[in-house]
Amino acid sequence: MNSDGMPIHTGKVSLSSTSALSVYADTMPAPMQDDNGREGWLWEKAGGLEKLNYYFYGEGRFPVTLAELENLFFVGSVETYSATTSVPFFVIYTKMQGDGQDAGSWYRSKITYSIATNAQITLGMKTQFSIHSNPSPPCPLEHVVCNRTTVVGPNDQSEEILTMSVQTDSAAPVGTKVLISYVGYKERNRHAIANPNILLSGT
């Protein structure tokens, strides 16, 4: 465990690195260092349709299917809250198959996991958000479950995952402010368990 009580990270992306550009990609405005010196990437909406969009998985040599994915998580704090749109959510996109059932121009299925409308959010509290009630990896933090699911496309369990991300709603109120320090997932692939925990470093 590190000083935050989180399992030691298995990956790290520094905000000042070139690799960070592929993680926050189409995020507008770009994230910045936390103004209170906390670890993580701080994002604040200034206006319009701006949104946070952190891609933390890309298919490698051994693809992961929906059936093999056990959990998604991120650790961070919601600094402002006026509606559920103020809170980030998870999105999974699967690979196109070209059989006429692909739901998007570049993906087959899109699965979104967001908080329930009655979820309790403590402003500024470091919190672990995950899609299951039993966090994985576990950590001694406040926990919020993202168990409200929206599906576009076939969503067959055999579909291979193309990418996964943490996003905010473009309809979120101006001034929405979120700090995210860790992102990750748990999957079981070919009898091996992978549990990536990626530190988003503000340096």
Protein backbone atom coordinates (compact mmCIF):
# COMPACT_ATOMS: atom_id res chain seq x y z
CA MET A 1 0.00 0.00 0.00
CA ASN A 2 1.12 3.57 -0.61
CA SER A 3 0.53 6.53 1.68
CA ASP A 4 -3.01 6.94 0.28
CA GLY A 5 -3.95 3.39 1.23
CA MET A 6 -4.16 2.45 -2.45
CA PRO A 7 -2.40 -0.66 -3.80
CA ILE A 8 0.92 0.24 -5.41
CA HIS A 9 0.27 1.43 -8.95
CA THR A 10 1.30 -0.76 -11.87
CA GLY A 11 1.42 2.12 -14.32
CA LYS A 12 1.95 5.86 -14.25
CA VAL A 13 1.18 8.72 -16.63
CA SER A 14 2.69 12.11 -15.82
CA LEU A 15 0.65 15.11 -16.89
CA SER A 16 3.72 16.74 -18.42
CA SER A 17 4.58 13.69 -20.57
CA THR A 18 3.73 13.17 -24.24
CA SER A 19 1.88 9.95 -23.34
CA ALA A 20 -0.58 12.02 -21.30
CA LEU A 21 -1.88 13.53 -24.54
CA SER A 22 -3.23 10.14 -25.65
CA VAL A 23 -4.92 9.60 -22.28
CA TYR A 24 -6.78 12.88 -22.08
CA ALA A 25 -7.06 13.09 -25.90
CA ASP A 26 -10.25 15.06 -26.67
CA THR A 27 -10.66 16.42 -23.14
CA MET A 28 -11.44 20.13 -23.13
CA PRO A 29 -9.97 22.05 -21.44
CA ALA A 30 -6.84 20.02 -20.75
CA PRO A 31 -6.37 18.84 -17.14
CA MET A 32 -3.92 20.62 -14.87
CA GLN A 33 -2.04 20.13 -11.63
CA ASP A 34 -4.15 20.37 -8.51
CA ASP A 35 -4.14 23.86 -7.02
CA ASN A 36 -3.96 22.32 -3.53
CA GLY A 37 -0.99 20.09 -4.28
CA ARG A 38 -2.87 16.80 -4.25
CA GLU A 39 -1.81 13.92 -6.52
CA GLY A 40 -3.82 13.57 -9.70
CA TRP A 41 -5.20 15.51 -12.67
CA LEU A 42 -7.58 18.36 -11.97
CA TRP A 43 -10.22 19.24 -14.56
CA GLU A 44 -12.65 22.15 -14.50
CA LYS A 45 -15.34 23.01 -17.04
CA ALA A 46 -15.17 26.60 -18.26
CA GLY A 47 -18.16 26.59 -20.64
CA GLY A 48 -19.94 25.19 -23.66
CA LEU A 49 -19.85 21.44 -24.32
CA GLU A 50 -16.49 20.86 -22.66
CA LYS A 51 -15.94 17.47 -21.06
CA LEU A 52 -13.37 15.26 -19.40
CA ASN A 53 -12.43 12.10 -21.32
CA TYR A 54 -9.56 9.93 -20.03
CA TYR A 55 -8.81 6.79 -22.09
CA PHE A 56 -7.04 4.30 -19.82
CA TYR A 57 -7.19 1.08 -21.86
CA GLY A 58 -6.35 0.22 -25.44
CA GLU A 59 -6.46 -3.27 -26.89
CA GLY A 60 -3.04 -4.89 -27.02
CA ARG A 61 -1.79 -8.22 -28.31
CA PHE A 62 -4.23 -10.22 -26.19
CA PRO A 63 -7.74 -8.79 -26.46
CA VAL A 64 -10.07 -8.73 -23.46
CA THR A 65 -13.74 -9.60 -23.93
CA LEU A 66 -16.69 -8.18 -22.03
CA ALA A 67 -17.08 -11.54 -20.30
CA GLU A 68 -13.52 -11.34 -18.96
CA LEU A 69 -13.89 -7.87 -17.46
CA GLU A 70 -14.66 -7.99 -13.73
CA ASN A 71 -14.48 -4.38 -12.59
CA LEU A 72 -13.60 -0.78 -13.44
CA PHE A 73 -12.56 1.86 -10.95
CA PHE A 74 -11.21 5.34 -10.51
CA VAL A 75 -10.14 7.21 -7.39
CA GLY A 76 -10.72 10.91 -7.09
CA SER A 77 -12.82 13.65 -5.62
CA VAL A 78 -15.77 15.62 -6.92
CA GLU A 79 -15.06 19.24 -6.05
CA THR A 80 -18.40 20.69 -7.16
CA TYR A 81 -21.78 18.98 -7.38
CA SER A 82 -25.12 20.24 -8.56
CA ALA A 83 -26.46 17.19 -10.43
CA THR A 84 -25.48 13.62 -11.34
CA THR A 85 -23.94 15.11 -14.50
CA SER A 86 -21.27 16.60 -12.23
CA VAL A 87 -19.85 13.13 -11.55
CA PRO A 88 -17.59 11.18 -13.96
CA PHE A 89 -18.74 7.83 -15.34
CA PHE A 90 -17.22 4.82 -17.11
CA VAL A 91 -17.62 4.02 -20.80
CA ILE A 92 -16.59 0.81 -22.59
CA TYR A 93 -16.40 0.61 -26.40
CA THR A 94 -16.06 -2.71 -28.21
CA LYS A 95 -14.50 -3.48 -31.60
CA MET A 96 -16.47 -3.21 -34.81
CA GLN A 97 -17.32 -6.49 -36.59
CA GLY A 98 -18.70 -5.11 -39.85
CA ASP A 99 -21.79 -7.33 -39.86
CA GLY A 100 -24.36 -4.54 -39.94
CA GLN A 101 -24.93 -4.60 -36.17
CA ASP A 102 -22.19 -2.14 -35.22
CA ALA A 103 -23.79 0.69 -33.28
CA GLY A 104 -21.27 3.41 -34.11
CA SER A 105 -18.97 4.53 -36.89
CA TRP A 106 -15.92 3.17 -34.99
CA TYR A 107 -17.34 0.83 -32.32
CA ARG A 108 -19.80 -2.04 -32.02
CA SER A 109 -21.24 -1.53 -28.53
CA LYS A 110 -21.05 1.28 -26.01
CA ILE A 111 -21.70 0.48 -22.35
CA THR A 112 -21.94 3.30 -19.81
CA TYR A 113 -21.81 2.92 -16.02
CA SER A 114 -22.86 5.94 -13.97
CA ILE A 115 -23.95 6.72 -10.42
CA ALA A 116 -27.54 6.31 -9.29
CA THR A 117 -29.58 9.50 -8.96
CA ASN A 118 -29.74 8.99 -5.18
CA ALA A 119 -26.01 8.31 -4.73
CA GLN A 120 -24.36 10.12 -1.84
CA ILE A 121 -21.40 12.30 -2.85
CA THR A 122 -19.17 14.02 -0.30
CA LEU A 123 -17.56 17.09 -1.87
CA GLY A 124 -13.77 17.07 -1.84
CA MET A 125 -13.61 13.57 -0.29
CA LYS A 126 -11.15 11.13 -1.87
CA THR A 127 -13.47 8.39 -3.09
CA GLN A 128 -13.24 5.13 -4.97
CA PHE A 129 -15.81 4.77 -7.75
CA SER A 130 -16.35 1.31 -9.26
CA ILE A 131 -18.96 -0.63 -11.20
CA HIS A 132 -19.34 -3.28 -8.46
CA SER A 133 -20.28 -2.97 -4.82
CA ASN A 134 -17.12 -4.81 -3.76
CA PRO A 135 -14.27 -2.53 -4.90
CA SER A 136 -11.36 -4.14 -6.65
CA PRO A 137 -8.69 -3.40 -5.73
CA PRO A 138 -10.02 -2.61 -2.24
CA CYS A 139 -8.86 0.56 -0.53
CA PRO A 140 -9.86 2.29 2.72
CA LEU A 141 -11.77 5.14 1.07
CA GLU A 142 -15.35 6.25 0.74
CA HIS A 143 -16.91 4.13 -2.02
CA VAL A 144 -19.56 4.96 -4.62
CA VAL A 145 -21.01 2.38 -7.00
CA CYS A 146 -21.65 3.23 -10.65
CA ASN A 147 -24.42 0.70 -11.20
CA ARG A 148 -26.74 2.58 -13.55
CA THR A 149 -26.08 1.01 -16.95
CA THR A 150 -26.89 2.32 -20.42
CA VAL A 151 -26.21 0.12 -23.45
CA VAL A 152 -26.03 0.96 -27.15
CA GLY A 153 -25.41 -1.98 -29.52
CA PRO A 154 -25.54 -5.79 -29.18
CA ASN A 155 -23.44 -5.93 -25.97
CA ASP A 156 -22.60 -9.60 -26.48
CA GLN A 157 -20.22 -10.98 -23.86
CA SER A 158 -17.92 -12.32 -26.58
CA GLU A 159 -17.21 -8.83 -27.95
CA GLU A 160 -13.61 -7.63 -27.66
CA ILE A 161 -13.01 -4.37 -25.80
CA LEU A 162 -11.53 -1.61 -27.95
CA THR A 163 -11.09 1.06 -25.30
CA MET A 164 -12.31 2.12 -21.85
CA SER A 165 -12.52 5.61 -20.44
CA VAL A 166 -13.66 7.83 -17.59
CA GLN A 167 -15.79 10.72 -18.85
CA THR A 168 -17.97 13.59 -17.74
CA ASP A 169 -21.20 14.68 -19.40
CA SER A 170 -20.88 17.55 -21.87
CA ALA A 171 -24.12 18.83 -20.29
CA ALA A 172 -22.45 19.13 -16.87
CA PRO A 173 -22.79 22.59 -15.30
CA VAL A 174 -20.11 25.20 -15.91
CA GLY A 175 -17.68 25.08 -13.00
CA THR A 176 -17.82 21.28 -12.66
CA LYS A 177 -14.49 20.39 -11.07
CA VAL A 178 -13.05 16.89 -10.66
CA LEU A 179 -9.71 15.51 -9.45
CA ILE A 180 -8.76 11.98 -10.55
CA SER A 181 -5.62 10.30 -9.23
CA TYR A 182 -5.99 6.61 -10.19
CA VAL A 183 -7.79 4.69 -12.94
CA GLY A 184 -7.86 0.96 -13.49
CA TYR A 185 -9.70 -2.28 -14.04
CA LYS A 186 -9.69 -5.96 -13.17
CA GLU A 187 -9.94 -8.71 -15.75
CA ARG A 188 -9.46 -12.44 -15.96
CA ASN A 189 -7.87 -13.52 -19.24
CA ARG A 190 -6.60 -17.00 -20.07
CA HIS A 191 -6.68 -18.00 -16.39
CA ALA A 192 -4.49 -15.04 -15.37
CA ILE A 193 -5.80 -12.10 -13.34
CA ALA A 194 -4.73 -8.62 -14.39
CA ASN A 195 -5.40 -5.73 -12.05
CA PRO A 196 -3.86 -2.57 -13.56
CA ASN A 197 -3.85 0.47 -11.26
CA ILE A 198 -2.61 3.53 -13.13
CA LEU A 199 -1.46 6.65 -11.31
CA LEU A 200 -2.31 9.92 -13.02
CA SER A 201 0.56 12.02 -11.75
CA GLY A 202 0.24 15.79 -11.70
CA THR A 203 3.95 16.27 -12.35
